[in-house]
Amino acid sequence: MKTIDEYMALPYRIEIVPDAEEGGFVISYPELRGCLSTGDTIEAALANGEDAKRAWFEAALEDGYPIPSPATDEDYSGQFKLRIPKSLHRQLAMQSKKEGISMNQYCLYLLSQNSVRRA
């Protein structure tokens, strides 16, 4: 069994979002169900989040609650199957052929472009 400090050192994913209703920011650790905190600034939210994460680990260890490991890239194969309408399949195939690349490469390009726009 790991110690609290060992759990604290693991790379758990952090989400920080503005709190539109109260102001400030909400921080959460999606892999640690229910572990969240707030702060008036991002820095305060991060500091409060570290305190919340430590308290979450303490309570989990005390209650014998299983602590999940952080997700890693090895947890994902890089593949997924997607069913799409035939008309969209045709459009993607035609556009990828026009670009001179495979449809998989073209779809990866489109997904990457969308991801960059959202970041």
PDB file of N, CA and C in Angstrom:
ATOM      1  N   MET A   1       0.846  -1.181   0.000  1.00  0.00           N
ATOM      2  CA  MET A   1       0.000   0.000   0.000  1.00  0.00           C
ATOM      3  C   MET A   1       0.893   1.246   0.000  1.00  0.00           C
ATOM      4  N   LYS A   2       0.528   2.223  -0.788  1.00  0.00           N
ATOM      5  CA  LYS A   2       1.287   3.465  -0.884  1.00  0.00           C
ATOM      6  C   LYS A   2       0.956   4.379   0.301  1.00  0.00           C
ATOM      7  N   THR A   3       1.874   5.298   0.554  1.00  0.00           N
ATOM      8  CA  THR A   3       1.631   6.323   1.563  1.00  0.00           C
ATOM      9  C   THR A   3       0.894   7.489   0.893  1.00  0.00           C
ATOM     10  N   ILE A   4       0.382   8.383   1.708  1.00  0.00           N
ATOM     11  CA  ILE A   4      -0.313   9.560   1.179  1.00  0.00           C
ATOM     12  C   ILE A   4       0.638  10.383   0.310  1.00  0.00           C
ATOM     13  N   ASP A   5       1.880  10.540   0.758  1.00  0.00           N
ATOM     14  CA  ASP A   5       2.846  11.316  -0.032  1.00  0.00           C
ATOM     15  C   ASP A   5       3.124  10.648  -1.383  1.00  0.00           C
ATOM     16  N   GLU A   6       3.143   9.319  -1.416  1.00  0.00           N
ATOM     17  CA  GLU A   6       3.337   8.616  -2.690  1.00  0.00           C
ATOM     18  C   GLU A   6       2.140   8.841  -3.616  1.00  0.00           C
ATOM     19  N   TYR A   7       0.923   8.793  -3.063  1.00  0.00           N
ATOM     20  CA  TYR A   7      -0.259   9.087  -3.880  1.00  0.00           C
ATOM     21  C   TYR A   7      -0.239  10.537  -4.363  1.00  0.00           C
ATOM     22  N   MET A   8       0.171  11.453  -3.497  1.00  0.00           N
ATOM     23  CA  MET A   8       0.201  12.872  -3.865  1.00  0.00           C
ATOM     24  C   MET A   8       1.164  13.127  -5.024  1.00  0.00           C
ATOM     25  N   ALA A   9       2.198  12.325  -5.142  1.00  0.00           N
ATOM     26  CA  ALA A   9       3.202  12.515  -6.192  1.00  0.00           C
ATOM     27  C   ALA A   9       2.768  11.955  -7.548  1.00  0.00           C
ATOM     28  N   LEU A  10       1.690  11.174  -7.566  1.00  0.00           N
ATOM     29  CA  LEU A  10       1.237  10.584  -8.829  1.00  0.00           C
ATOM     30  C   LEU A  10       0.572  11.637  -9.720  1.00  0.00           C
ATOM     31  N   PRO A  11       0.666  11.476 -11.036  1.00  0.00           N
ATOM     32  CA  PRO A  11       0.167  12.499 -11.974  1.00  0.00           C
ATOM     33  C   PRO A  11      -1.334  12.393 -12.263  1.00  0.00           C
ATOM     34  N   TYR A  12      -2.153  12.734 -11.278  1.00  0.00           N
ATOM     35  CA  TYR A  12      -3.597  12.732 -11.492  1.00  0.00           C
ATOM     36  C   TYR A  12      -3.984  13.934 -12.345  1.00  0.00           C
ATOM     37  N   ARG A  13      -4.932  13.717 -13.233  1.00  0.00           N
ATOM     38  CA  ARG A  13      -5.399  14.778 -14.125  1.00  0.00           C
ATOM     39  C   ARG A  13      -6.172  15.822 -13.326  1.00  0.00           C
ATOM     40  N   ILE A  14      -5.930  17.094 -13.662  1.00  0.00           N
ATOM     41  CA  ILE A  14      -6.575  18.216 -12.986  1.00  0.00           C
ATOM     42  C   ILE A  14      -7.441  18.953 -14.001  1.00  0.00           C
ATOM     43  N   GLU A  15      -8.648  19.307 -13.589  1.00  0.00           N
ATOM     44  CA  GLU A  15      -9.502  20.163 -14.407  1.00  0.00           C
ATOM     45  C   GLU A  15      -9.777  21.440 -13.620  1.00  0.00           C
ATOM     46  N   ILE A  16      -9.588  22.577 -14.262  1.00  0.00           N
ATOM     47  CA  ILE A  16      -9.874  23.872 -13.645  1.00  0.00           C
ATOM     48  C   ILE A  16     -10.846  24.605 -14.553  1.00  0.00           C
ATOM     49  N   VAL A  17     -11.984  25.006 -13.989  1.00  0.00           N
ATOM     50  CA  VAL A  17     -12.983  25.737 -14.767  1.00  0.00           C
ATOM     51  C   VAL A  17     -13.432  26.966 -13.989  1.00  0.00           C
ATOM     52  N   PRO A  18     -13.744  28.035 -14.717  1.00  0.00           N
ATOM     53  CA  PRO A  18     -14.272  29.218 -14.029  1.00  0.00           C
ATOM     54  C   PRO A  18     -15.618  28.902 -13.389  1.00  0.00           C
ATOM     55  N   ASP A  19     -15.859  29.462 -12.227  1.00  0.00           N
ATOM     56  CA  ASP A  19     -17.144  29.306 -11.546  1.00  0.00           C
ATOM     57  C   ASP A  19     -18.004  30.510 -11.914  1.00  0.00           C
ATOM     58  N   ALA A  20     -18.887  30.327 -12.882  1.00  0.00           N
ATOM     59  CA  ALA A  20     -19.690  31.430 -13.411  1.00  0.00           C
ATOM     60  C   ALA A  20     -20.650  32.005 -12.364  1.00  0.00           C
ATOM     61  N   GLU A  21     -21.121  31.185 -11.453  1.00  0.00           N
ATOM     62  CA  GLU A  21     -22.101  31.638 -10.458  1.00  0.00           C
ATOM     63  C   GLU A  21     -21.451  32.348  -9.272  1.00  0.00           C
ATOM     64  N   GLU A  22     -20.395  31.760  -8.736  1.00  0.00           N
ATOM     65  CA  GLU A  22     -19.782  32.282  -7.511  1.00  0.00           C
ATOM     66  C   GLU A  22     -18.545  33.138  -7.784  1.00  0.00           C
ATOM     67  N   GLY A  23     -18.007  33.033  -8.984  1.00  0.00           N
ATOM     68  CA  GLY A  23     -16.732  33.675  -9.271  1.00  0.00           C
ATOM     69  C   GLY A  23     -15.597  32.764  -8.864  1.00  0.00           C
ATOM     70  N   GLY A  24     -14.406  33.085  -9.274  1.00  0.00           N
ATOM     71  CA  GLY A  24     -13.260  32.249  -8.954  1.00  0.00           C
ATOM     72  C   GLY A  24     -13.205  31.026  -9.848  1.00  0.00           C
ATOM     73  N   PHE A  25     -12.623  29.959  -9.323  1.00  0.00           N
ATOM     74  CA  PHE A  25     -12.383  28.758 -10.113  1.00  0.00           C
ATOM     75  C   PHE A  25     -12.701  27.507  -9.296  1.00  0.00           C
ATOM     76  N   VAL A  26     -13.113  26.468 -10.010  1.00  0.00           N
ATOM     77  CA  VAL A  26     -13.358  25.155  -9.410  1.00  0.00           C
ATOM     78  C   VAL A  26     -12.289  24.215  -9.954  1.00  0.00           C
ATOM     79  N   ILE A  27     -11.663  23.482  -9.063  1.00  0.00           N
ATOM     80  CA  ILE A  27     -10.659  22.500  -9.453  1.00  0.00           C
ATOM     81  C   ILE A  27     -11.164  21.124  -9.074  1.00  0.00           C
ATOM     82  N   SER A  28     -10.953  20.162  -9.970  1.00  0.00           N
ATOM     83  CA  SER A  28     -11.353  18.788  -9.658  1.00  0.00           C
ATOM     84  C   SER A  28     -10.325  17.818 -10.225  1.00  0.00           C
ATOM     85  N   TYR A  29     -10.365  16.619  -9.698  1.00  0.00           N
ATOM     86  CA  TYR A  29      -9.516  15.522 -10.129  1.00  0.00           C
ATOM     87  C   TYR A  29     -10.469  14.417 -10.605  1.00  0.00           C
ATOM     88  N   PRO A  30     -10.740  14.346 -11.909  1.00  0.00           N
ATOM     89  CA  PRO A  30     -11.758  13.424 -12.428  1.00  0.00           C
ATOM     90  C   PRO A  30     -11.579  11.962 -12.013  1.00  0.00           C
ATOM     91  N   GLU A  31     -10.342  11.535 -11.823  1.00  0.00           N
ATOM     92  CA  GLU A  31     -10.112  10.143 -11.446  1.00  0.00           C
ATOM     93  C   GLU A  31     -10.399   9.884  -9.971  1.00  0.00           C
ATOM     94  N   LEU A  32     -10.483  10.962  -9.195  1.00  0.00           N
ATOM     95  CA  LEU A  32     -10.753  10.852  -7.759  1.00  0.00           C
ATOM     96  C   LEU A  32     -12.164  11.369  -7.513  1.00  0.00           C
ATOM     97  N   ARG A  33     -13.115  10.496  -7.649  1.00  0.00           N
ATOM     98  CA  ARG A  33     -14.533  10.867  -7.602  1.00  0.00           C
ATOM     99  C   ARG A  33     -14.874  11.711  -6.374  1.00  0.00           C
ATOM    100  N   GLY A  34     -15.437  12.890  -6.647  1.00  0.00           N
ATOM    101  CA  GLY A  34     -15.871  13.768  -5.565  1.00  0.00           C
ATOM    102  C   GLY A  34     -14.781  14.663  -5.014  1.00  0.00           C
ATOM    103  N   CYS A  35     -13.578  14.574  -5.528  1.00  0.00           N
ATOM    104  CA  CYS A  35     -12.475  15.398  -5.034  1.00  0.00           C
ATOM    105  C   CYS A  35     -12.447  16.706  -5.811  1.00  0.00           C
ATOM    106  N   LEU A  36     -12.863  17.786  -5.138  1.00  0.00           N
ATOM    107  CA  LEU A  36     -12.851  19.093  -5.783  1.00  0.00           C
ATOM    108  C   LEU A  36     -12.704  20.178  -4.742  1.00  0.00           C
ATOM    109  N   SER A  37     -12.350  21.366  -5.226  1.00  0.00           N
ATOM    110  CA  SER A  37     -12.206  22.520  -4.356  1.00  0.00           C
ATOM    111  C   SER A  37     -12.379  23.773  -5.196  1.00  0.00           C
ATOM    112  N   THR A  38     -12.269  24.926  -4.562  1.00  0.00           N
ATOM    113  CA  THR A  38     -12.430  26.199  -5.255  1.00  0.00           C
ATOM    114  C   THR A  38     -11.349  27.166  -4.800  1.00  0.00           C
ATOM    115  N   GLY A  39     -11.276  28.283  -5.512  1.00  0.00           N
ATOM    116  CA  GLY A  39     -10.368  29.358  -5.128  1.00  0.00           C
ATOM    117  C   GLY A  39     -10.701  30.607  -5.910  1.00  0.00           C
ATOM    118  N   ASP A  40     -10.391  31.752  -5.350  1.00  0.00           N
ATOM    119  CA  ASP A  40     -10.670  33.015  -6.028  1.00  0.00           C
ATOM    120  C   ASP A  40      -9.793  33.214  -7.252  1.00  0.00           C
ATOM    121  N   THR A  41      -8.585  32.641  -7.221  1.00  0.00           N
ATOM    122  CA  THR A  41      -7.664  32.705  -8.353  1.00  0.00           C
ATOM    123  C   THR A  41      -7.281  31.275  -8.731  1.00  0.00           C
ATOM    124  N   ILE A  42      -6.663  31.138  -9.894  1.00  0.00           N
ATOM    125  CA  ILE A  42      -6.205  29.803 -10.289  1.00  0.00           C
ATOM    126  C   ILE A  42      -5.181  29.279  -9.288  1.00  0.00           C
ATOM    127  N   GLU A  43      -4.293  30.154  -8.841  1.00  0.00           N
ATOM    128  CA  GLU A  43      -3.265  29.743  -7.877  1.00  0.00           C
ATOM    129  C   GLU A  43      -3.896  29.267  -6.573  1.00  0.00           C
ATOM    130  N   ALA A  44      -4.906  30.005  -6.098  1.00  0.00           N
ATOM    131  CA  ALA A  44      -5.587  29.601  -4.865  1.00  0.00           C
ATOM    132  C   ALA A  44      -6.340  28.294  -5.071  1.00  0.00           C
ATOM    133  N   ALA A  45      -6.969  28.140  -6.233  1.00  0.00           N
ATOM    134  CA  ALA A  45      -7.685  26.895  -6.523  1.00  0.00           C
ATOM    135  C   ALA A  45      -6.718  25.711  -6.540  1.00  0.00           C
ATOM    136  N   LEU A  46      -5.546  25.904  -7.133  1.00  0.00           N
ATOM    137  CA  LEU A  46      -4.545  24.832  -7.159  1.00  0.00           C
ATOM    138  C   LEU A  46      -4.085  24.470  -5.749  1.00  0.00           C
ATOM    139  N   ALA A  47      -3.810  25.468  -4.927  1.00  0.00           N
ATOM    140  CA  ALA A  47      -3.378  25.198  -3.549  1.00  0.00           C
ATOM    141  C   ALA A  47      -4.487  24.497  -2.767  1.00  0.00           C
ATOM    142  N   ASN A  48      -5.715  24.991  -2.895  1.00  0.00           N
ATOM    143  CA  ASN A  48      -6.847  24.359  -2.208  1.00  0.00           C
ATOM    144  C   ASN A  48      -7.103  22.958  -2.750  1.00  0.00           C
ATOM    145  N   GLY A  49      -6.876  22.779  -4.047  1.00  0.00           N
ATOM    146  CA  GLY A  49      -7.039  21.457  -4.649  1.00  0.00           C
ATOM    147  C   GLY A  49      -6.058  20.449  -4.089  1.00  0.00           C
ATOM    148  N   GLU A  50      -4.829  20.889  -3.854  1.00  0.00           N
ATOM    149  CA  GLU A  50      -3.834  19.992  -3.247  1.00  0.00           C
ATOM    150  C   GLU A  50      -4.276  19.576  -1.847  1.00  0.00           C
ATOM    151  N   ASP A  51      -4.821  20.522  -1.091  1.00  0.00           N
ATOM    152  CA  ASP A  51      -5.335  20.192   0.250  1.00  0.00           C
ATOM    153  C   ASP A  51      -6.496  19.208   0.153  1.00  0.00           C
ATOM    154  N   ALA A  52      -7.402  19.445  -0.808  1.00  0.00           N
ATOM    155  CA  ALA A  52      -8.558  18.559  -0.984  1.00  0.00           C
ATOM    156  C   ALA A  52      -8.109  17.166  -1.404  1.00  0.00           C
ATOM    157  N   LYS A  53      -7.106  17.109  -2.282  1.00  0.00           N
ATOM    158  CA  LYS A  53      -6.606  15.803  -2.745  1.00  0.00           C
ATOM    159  C   LYS A  53      -5.988  15.039  -1.575  1.00  0.00           C
ATOM    160  N   ARG A  54      -5.203  15.722  -0.753  1.00  0.00           N
ATOM    161  CA  ARG A  54      -4.599  15.062   0.418  1.00  0.00           C
ATOM    162  C   ARG A  54      -5.695  14.533   1.356  1.00  0.00           C
ATOM    163  N   ALA A  55      -6.709  15.356   1.631  1.00  0.00           N
ATOM    164  CA  ALA A  55      -7.811  14.928   2.501  1.00  0.00           C
ATOM    165  C   ALA A  55      -8.566  13.759   1.885  1.00  0.00           C
ATOM    166  N   TRP A  56      -8.721  13.771   0.552  1.00  0.00           N
ATOM    167  CA  TRP A  56      -9.404  12.675  -0.137  1.00  0.00           C
ATOM    168  C   TRP A  56      -8.627  11.378   0.066  1.00  0.00           C
ATOM    169  N   PHE A  57      -7.302  11.428  -0.132  1.00  0.00           N
ATOM    170  CA  PHE A  57      -6.476  10.230   0.059  1.00  0.00           C
ATOM    171  C   PHE A  57      -6.529   9.754   1.510  1.00  0.00           C
ATOM    172  N   GLU A  58      -6.460  10.679   2.457  1.00  0.00           N
ATOM    173  CA  GLU A  58      -6.521  10.302   3.879  1.00  0.00           C
ATOM    174  C   GLU A  58      -7.825   9.574   4.185  1.00  0.00           C
ATOM    175  N   ALA A  59      -8.937  10.133   3.714  1.00  0.00           N
ATOM    176  CA  ALA A  59     -10.239   9.512   3.970  1.00  0.00           C
ATOM    177  C   ALA A  59     -10.343   8.157   3.274  1.00  0.00           C
ATOM    178  N   ALA A  60      -9.849   8.063   2.049  1.00  0.00           N
ATOM    179  CA  ALA A  60      -9.915   6.799   1.313  1.00  0.00           C
ATOM    180  C   ALA A  60      -9.109   5.715   2.026  1.00  0.00           C
ATOM    181  N   LEU A  61      -7.919   6.061   2.477  1.00  0.00           N
ATOM    182  CA  LEU A  61      -7.092   5.075   3.178  1.00  0.00           C
ATOM    183  C   LEU A  61      -7.728   4.677   4.505  1.00  0.00           C
ATOM    184  N   GLU A  62      -8.268   5.646   5.210  1.00  0.00           N
ATOM    185  CA  GLU A  62      -8.899   5.372   6.503  1.00  0.00           C
ATOM    186  C   GLU A  62     -10.126   4.468   6.351  1.00  0.00           C
ATOM    187  N   ASP A  63     -10.910   4.710   5.300  1.00  0.00           N
ATOM    188  CA  ASP A  63     -12.144   3.945   5.092  1.00  0.00           C
ATOM    189  C   ASP A  63     -11.950   2.696   4.244  1.00  0.00           C
ATOM    190  N   GLY A  64     -10.725   2.452   3.783  1.00  0.00           N
ATOM    191  CA  GLY A  64     -10.476   1.285   2.944  1.00  0.00           C
ATOM    192  C   GLY A  64     -11.058   1.422   1.544  1.00  0.00           C
ATOM    193  N   TYR A  65     -11.271   2.648   1.115  1.00  0.00           N
ATOM    194  CA  TYR A  65     -11.826   2.909  -0.210  1.00  0.00           C
ATOM    195  C   TYR A  65     -10.714   2.730  -1.244  1.00  0.00           C
ATOM    196  N   PRO A  66     -10.985   2.021  -2.358  1.00  0.00           N
ATOM    197  CA  PRO A  66      -9.929   1.812  -3.359  1.00  0.00           C
ATOM    198  C   PRO A  66      -9.529   3.128  -4.033  1.00  0.00           C
ATOM    199  N   ILE A  67      -8.244   3.340  -4.171  1.00  0.00           N
ATOM    200  CA  ILE A  67      -7.724   4.547  -4.811  1.00  0.00           C
ATOM    201  C   ILE A  67      -7.294   4.180  -6.227  1.00  0.00           C
ATOM    202  N   PRO A  68      -7.941   4.791  -7.226  1.00  0.00           N
ATOM    203  CA  PRO A  68      -7.582   4.455  -8.607  1.00  0.00           C
ATOM    204  C   PRO A  68      -6.218   5.017  -8.977  1.00  0.00           C
ATOM    205  N   SER A  69      -5.557   4.341  -9.881  1.00  0.00           N
ATOM    206  CA  SER A  69      -4.302   4.865 -10.422  1.00  0.00           C
ATOM    207  C   SER A  69      -4.626   5.936 -11.452  1.00  0.00           C
ATOM    208  N   PRO A  70      -3.718   6.885 -11.655  1.00  0.00           N
ATOM    209  CA  PRO A  70      -3.960   7.887 -12.694  1.00  0.00           C
ATOM    210  C   PRO A  70      -3.947   7.227 -14.075  1.00  0.00           C
ATOM    211  N   ALA A  71      -4.757   7.738 -14.964  1.00  0.00           N
ATOM    212  CA  ALA A  71      -4.793   7.216 -16.331  1.00  0.00           C
ATOM    213  C   ALA A  71      -3.490   7.577 -17.041  1.00  0.00           C
ATOM    214  N   THR A  72      -3.038   6.680 -17.894  1.00  0.00           N
ATOM    215  CA  THR A  72      -1.836   6.931 -18.693  1.00  0.00           C
ATOM    216  C   THR A  72      -2.156   6.646 -20.151  1.00  0.00           C
ATOM    217  N   ASP A  73      -1.274   7.049 -21.045  1.00  0.00           N
ATOM    218  CA  ASP A  73      -1.473   6.778 -22.463  1.00  0.00           C
ATOM    219  C   ASP A  73      -1.530   5.279 -22.738  1.00  0.00           C
ATOM    220  N   GLU A  74      -0.875   4.482 -21.895  1.00  0.00           N
ATOM    221  CA  GLU A  74      -0.876   3.031 -22.087  1.00  0.00           C
ATOM    222  C   GLU A  74      -2.264   2.429 -21.850  1.00  0.00           C
ATOM    223  N   ASP A  75      -3.155   3.201 -21.202  1.00  0.00           N
ATOM    224  CA  ASP A  75      -4.508   2.720 -20.956  1.00  0.00           C
ATOM    225  C   ASP A  75      -5.379   2.785 -22.214  1.00  0.00           C
ATOM    226  N   TYR A  76      -4.855   3.374 -23.280  1.00  0.00           N
ATOM    227  CA  TYR A  76      -5.627   3.577 -24.502  1.00  0.00           C
ATOM    228  C   TYR A  76      -4.883   2.974 -25.683  1.00  0.00           C
ATOM    229  N   SER A  77      -5.626   2.324 -26.571  1.00  0.00           N
ATOM    230  CA  SER A  77      -5.009   1.656 -27.707  1.00  0.00           C
ATOM    231  C   SER A  77      -4.708   2.600 -28.860  1.00  0.00           C
ATOM    232  N   GLY A  78      -5.382   3.757 -28.899  1.00  0.00           N
ATOM    233  CA  GLY A  78      -5.217   4.648 -30.041  1.00  0.00           C
ATOM    234  C   GLY A  78      -6.149   4.291 -31.182  1.00  0.00           C
ATOM    235  N   GLN A  79      -7.056   3.378 -30.923  1.00  0.00           N
ATOM    236  CA  GLN A  79      -7.997   2.944 -31.953  1.00  0.00           C
ATOM    237  C   GLN A  79      -9.415   2.972 -31.394  1.00  0.00           C
ATOM    238  N   PHE A  80     -10.356   3.321 -32.267  1.00  0.00           N
ATOM    239  CA  PHE A  80     -11.757   3.166 -31.926  1.00  0.00           C
ATOM    240  C   PHE A  80     -12.540   2.995 -33.219  1.00  0.00           C
ATOM    241  N   LYS A  81     -13.653   2.318 -33.108  1.00  0.00           N
ATOM    242  CA  LYS A  81     -14.490   2.069 -34.274  1.00  0.00           C
ATOM    243  C   LYS A  81     -15.651   3.044 -34.222  1.00  0.00           C
ATOM    244  N   LEU A  82     -15.940   3.644 -35.361  1.00  0.00           N
ATOM    245  CA  LEU A  82     -16.970   4.660 -35.426  1.00  0.00           C
ATOM    246  C   LEU A  82     -17.890   4.374 -36.605  1.00  0.00           C
ATOM    247  N   ARG A  83     -19.176   4.275 -36.335  1.00  0.00           N
ATOM    248  CA  ARG A  83     -20.147   4.108 -37.415  1.00  0.00           C
ATOM    249  C   ARG A  83     -20.645   5.489 -37.800  1.00  0.00           C
ATOM    250  N   ILE A  84     -20.597   5.766 -39.113  1.00  0.00           N
ATOM    251  CA  ILE A  84     -21.017   7.063 -39.621  1.00  0.00           C
ATOM    252  C   ILE A  84     -21.968   6.858 -40.801  1.00  0.00           C
ATOM    253  N   PRO A  85     -22.750   7.869 -41.126  1.00  0.00           N
ATOM    254  CA  PRO A  85     -23.632   7.743 -42.293  1.00  0.00           C
ATOM    255  C   PRO A  85     -22.814   7.508 -43.566  1.00  0.00           C
ATOM    256  N   LYS A  86     -23.384   6.768 -44.481  1.00  0.00           N
ATOM    257  CA  LYS A  86     -22.696   6.460 -45.739  1.00  0.00           C
ATOM    258  C   LYS A  86     -22.318   7.730 -46.498  1.00  0.00           C
ATOM    259  N   SER A  87     -23.180   8.732 -46.444  1.00  0.00           N
ATOM    260  CA  SER A  87     -22.878   9.973 -47.168  1.00  0.00           C
ATOM    261  C   SER A  87     -21.641  10.663 -46.575  1.00  0.00           C
ATOM    262  N   LEU A  88     -21.483  10.639 -45.265  1.00  0.00           N
ATOM    263  CA  LEU A  88     -20.301  11.226 -44.644  1.00  0.00           C
ATOM    264  C   LEU A  88     -19.064  10.402 -44.974  1.00  0.00           C
ATOM    265  N   HIS A  89     -19.202   9.093 -44.962  1.00  0.00           N
ATOM    266  CA  HIS A  89     -18.099   8.202 -45.322  1.00  0.00           C
ATOM    267  C   HIS A  89     -17.615   8.532 -46.739  1.00  0.00           C
ATOM    268  N   ARG A  90     -18.556   8.709 -47.647  1.00  0.00           N
ATOM    269  CA  ARG A  90     -18.221   9.045 -49.039  1.00  0.00           C
ATOM    270  C   ARG A  90     -17.476  10.376 -49.088  1.00  0.00           C
ATOM    271  N   GLN A  91     -17.975  11.377 -48.379  1.00  0.00           N
ATOM    272  CA  GLN A  91     -17.328  12.700 -48.386  1.00  0.00           C
ATOM    273  C   GLN A  91     -15.903  12.626 -47.831  1.00  0.00           C
ATOM    274  N   LEU A  92     -15.737  11.908 -46.743  1.00  0.00           N
ATOM    275  CA  LEU A  92     -14.405  11.774 -46.147  1.00  0.00           C
ATOM    276  C   LEU A  92     -13.457  11.021 -47.076  1.00  0.00           C
ATOM    277  N   ALA A  93     -13.952   9.968 -47.701  1.00  0.00           N
ATOM    278  CA  ALA A  93     -13.126   9.184 -48.621  1.00  0.00           C
ATOM    279  C   ALA A  93     -12.718  10.030 -49.827  1.00  0.00           C
ATOM    280  N   MET A  94     -13.656  10.802 -50.352  1.00  0.00           N
ATOM    281  CA  MET A  94     -13.357  11.632 -51.518  1.00  0.00           C
ATOM    282  C   MET A  94     -12.354  12.739 -51.157  1.00  0.00           C
ATOM    283  N   GLN A  95     -12.549  13.372 -50.020  1.00  0.00           N
ATOM    284  CA  GLN A  95     -11.647  14.445 -49.616  1.00  0.00           C
ATOM    285  C   GLN A  95     -10.253  13.904 -49.309  1.00  0.00           C
ATOM    286  N   SER A  96     -10.167  12.756 -48.657  1.00  0.00           N
ATOM    287  CA  SER A  96      -8.844  12.190 -48.354  1.00  0.00           C
ATOM    288  C   SER A  96      -8.127  11.792 -49.642  1.00  0.00           C
ATOM    289  N   LYS A  97      -8.873  11.272 -50.599  1.00  0.00           N
ATOM    290  CA  LYS A  97      -8.268  10.914 -51.886  1.00  0.00           C
ATOM    291  C   LYS A  97      -7.752  12.171 -52.583  1.00  0.00           C
ATOM    292  N   LYS A  98      -8.529  13.251 -52.523  1.00  0.00           N
ATOM    293  CA  LYS A  98      -8.134  14.527 -53.117  1.00  0.00           C
ATOM    294  C   LYS A  98      -6.841  15.041 -52.475  1.00  0.00           C
ATOM    295  N   GLU A  99      -6.709  14.846 -51.164  1.00  0.00           N
ATOM    296  CA  GLU A  99      -5.520  15.288 -50.435  1.00  0.00           C
ATOM    297  C   GLU A  99      -4.345  14.325 -50.613  1.00  0.00           C
ATOM    298  N   GLY A 100      -4.617  13.134 -51.145  1.00  0.00           N
ATOM    299  CA  GLY A 100      -3.560  12.154 -51.371  1.00  0.00           C
ATOM    300  C   GLY A 100      -3.113  11.434 -50.116  1.00  0.00           C
ATOM    301  N   ILE A 101      -4.040  11.301 -49.147  1.00  0.00           N
ATOM    302  CA  ILE A 101      -3.720  10.594 -47.905  1.00  0.00           C
ATOM    303  C   ILE A 101      -4.829   9.586 -47.606  1.00  0.00           C
ATOM    304  N   SER A 102      -4.560   8.695 -46.676  1.00  0.00           N
ATOM    305  CA  SER A 102      -5.572   7.710 -46.311  1.00  0.00           C
ATOM    306  C   SER A 102      -6.716   8.400 -45.565  1.00  0.00           C
ATOM    307  N   MET A 103      -7.853   7.748 -45.530  1.00  0.00           N
ATOM    308  CA  MET A 103      -8.985   8.313 -44.803  1.00  0.00           C
ATOM    309  C   MET A 103      -8.677   8.395 -43.301  1.00  0.00           C
ATOM    310  N   ASN A 104      -7.952   7.407 -42.762  1.00  0.00           N
ATOM    311  CA  ASN A 104      -7.559   7.462 -41.353  1.00  0.00           C
ATOM    312  C   ASN A 104      -6.705   8.698 -41.078  1.00  0.00           C
ATOM    313  N   GLN A 105      -5.734   8.975 -41.942  1.00  0.00           N
ATOM    314  CA  GLN A 105      -4.893  10.149 -41.762  1.00  0.00           C
ATOM    315  C   GLN A 105      -5.718  11.427 -41.860  1.00  0.00           C
ATOM    316  N   TYR A 106      -6.651  11.451 -42.800  1.00  0.00           N
ATOM    317  CA  TYR A 106      -7.471  12.643 -42.985  1.00  0.00           C
ATOM    318  C   TYR A 106      -8.365  12.874 -41.759  1.00  0.00           C
ATOM    319  N   CYS A 107      -8.965  11.822 -41.258  1.00  0.00           N
ATOM    320  CA  CYS A 107      -9.814  11.954 -40.058  1.00  0.00           C
ATOM    321  C   CYS A 107      -8.984  12.388 -38.854  1.00  0.00           C
ATOM    322  N   LEU A 108      -7.774  11.858 -38.709  1.00  0.00           N
ATOM    323  CA  LEU A 108      -6.888  12.280 -37.630  1.00  0.00           C
ATOM    324  C   LEU A 108      -6.572  13.765 -37.768  1.00  0.00           C
ATOM    325  N   TYR A 109      -6.312  14.211 -38.992  1.00  0.00           N
ATOM    326  CA  TYR A 109      -6.061  15.636 -39.238  1.00  0.00           C
ATOM    327  C   TYR A 109      -7.262  16.470 -38.800  1.00  0.00           C
ATOM    328  N   LEU A 110      -8.473  16.071 -39.176  1.00  0.00           N
ATOM    329  CA  LEU A 110      -9.670  16.831 -38.815  1.00  0.00           C
ATOM    330  C   LEU A 110      -9.869  16.870 -37.301  1.00  0.00           C
ATOM    331  N   LEU A 111      -9.686  15.740 -36.647  1.00  0.00           N
ATOM    332  CA  LEU A 111      -9.827  15.700 -35.189  1.00  0.00           C
ATOM    333  C   LEU A 111      -8.773  16.579 -34.520  1.00  0.00           C
ATOM    334  N   SER A 112      -7.548  16.546 -35.024  1.00  0.00           N
ATOM    335  CA  SER A 112      -6.472  17.355 -34.458  1.00  0.00           C
ATOM    336  C   SER A 112      -6.761  18.845 -34.631  1.00  0.00           C
ATOM    337  N   GLN A 113      -7.254  19.234 -35.795  1.00  0.00           N
ATOM    338  CA  GLN A 113      -7.573  20.634 -36.034  1.00  0.00           C
ATOM    339  C   GLN A 113      -8.652  21.120 -35.067  1.00  0.00           C
ATOM    340  N   ASN A 114      -9.666  20.305 -34.853  1.00  0.00           N
ATOM    341  CA  ASN A 114     -10.726  20.673 -33.932  1.00  0.00           C
ATOM    342  C   ASN A 114     -10.209  20.777 -32.501  1.00  0.00           C
ATOM    343  N   SER A 115      -9.316  19.865 -32.136  1.00  0.00           N
ATOM    344  CA  SER A 115      -8.760  19.873 -30.788  1.00  0.00           C
ATOM    345  C   SER A 115      -7.933  21.137 -30.552  1.00  0.00           C
ATOM    346  N   VAL A 116      -7.167  21.562 -31.548  1.00  0.00           N
ATOM    347  CA  VAL A 116      -6.349  22.771 -31.430  1.00  0.00           C
ATOM    348  C   VAL A 116      -7.236  23.987 -31.294  1.00  0.00           C
ATOM    349  N   ARG A 117      -8.318  24.039 -32.035  1.00  0.00           N
ATOM    350  CA  ARG A 117      -9.235  25.180 -31.968  1.00  0.00           C
ATOM    351  C   ARG A 117      -9.871  25.301 -30.587  1.00  0.00           C
ATOM    352  N   ARG A 118     -10.156  24.170 -29.956  1.00  0.00           N
ATOM    353  CA  ARG A 118     -10.830  24.181 -28.653  1.00  0.00           C
ATOM    354  C   ARG A 118      -9.876  24.495 -27.512  1.00  0.00           C
ATOM    355  N   ALA A 119      -8.579  24.257 -27.731  1.00  0.00           N
ATOM    356  CA  ALA A 119      -7.593  24.430 -26.643  1.00  0.00           C
ATOM    357  C   ALA A 119      -7.352  25.887 -26.305  1.00  0.00           C
TER     358      ALA A 119
END
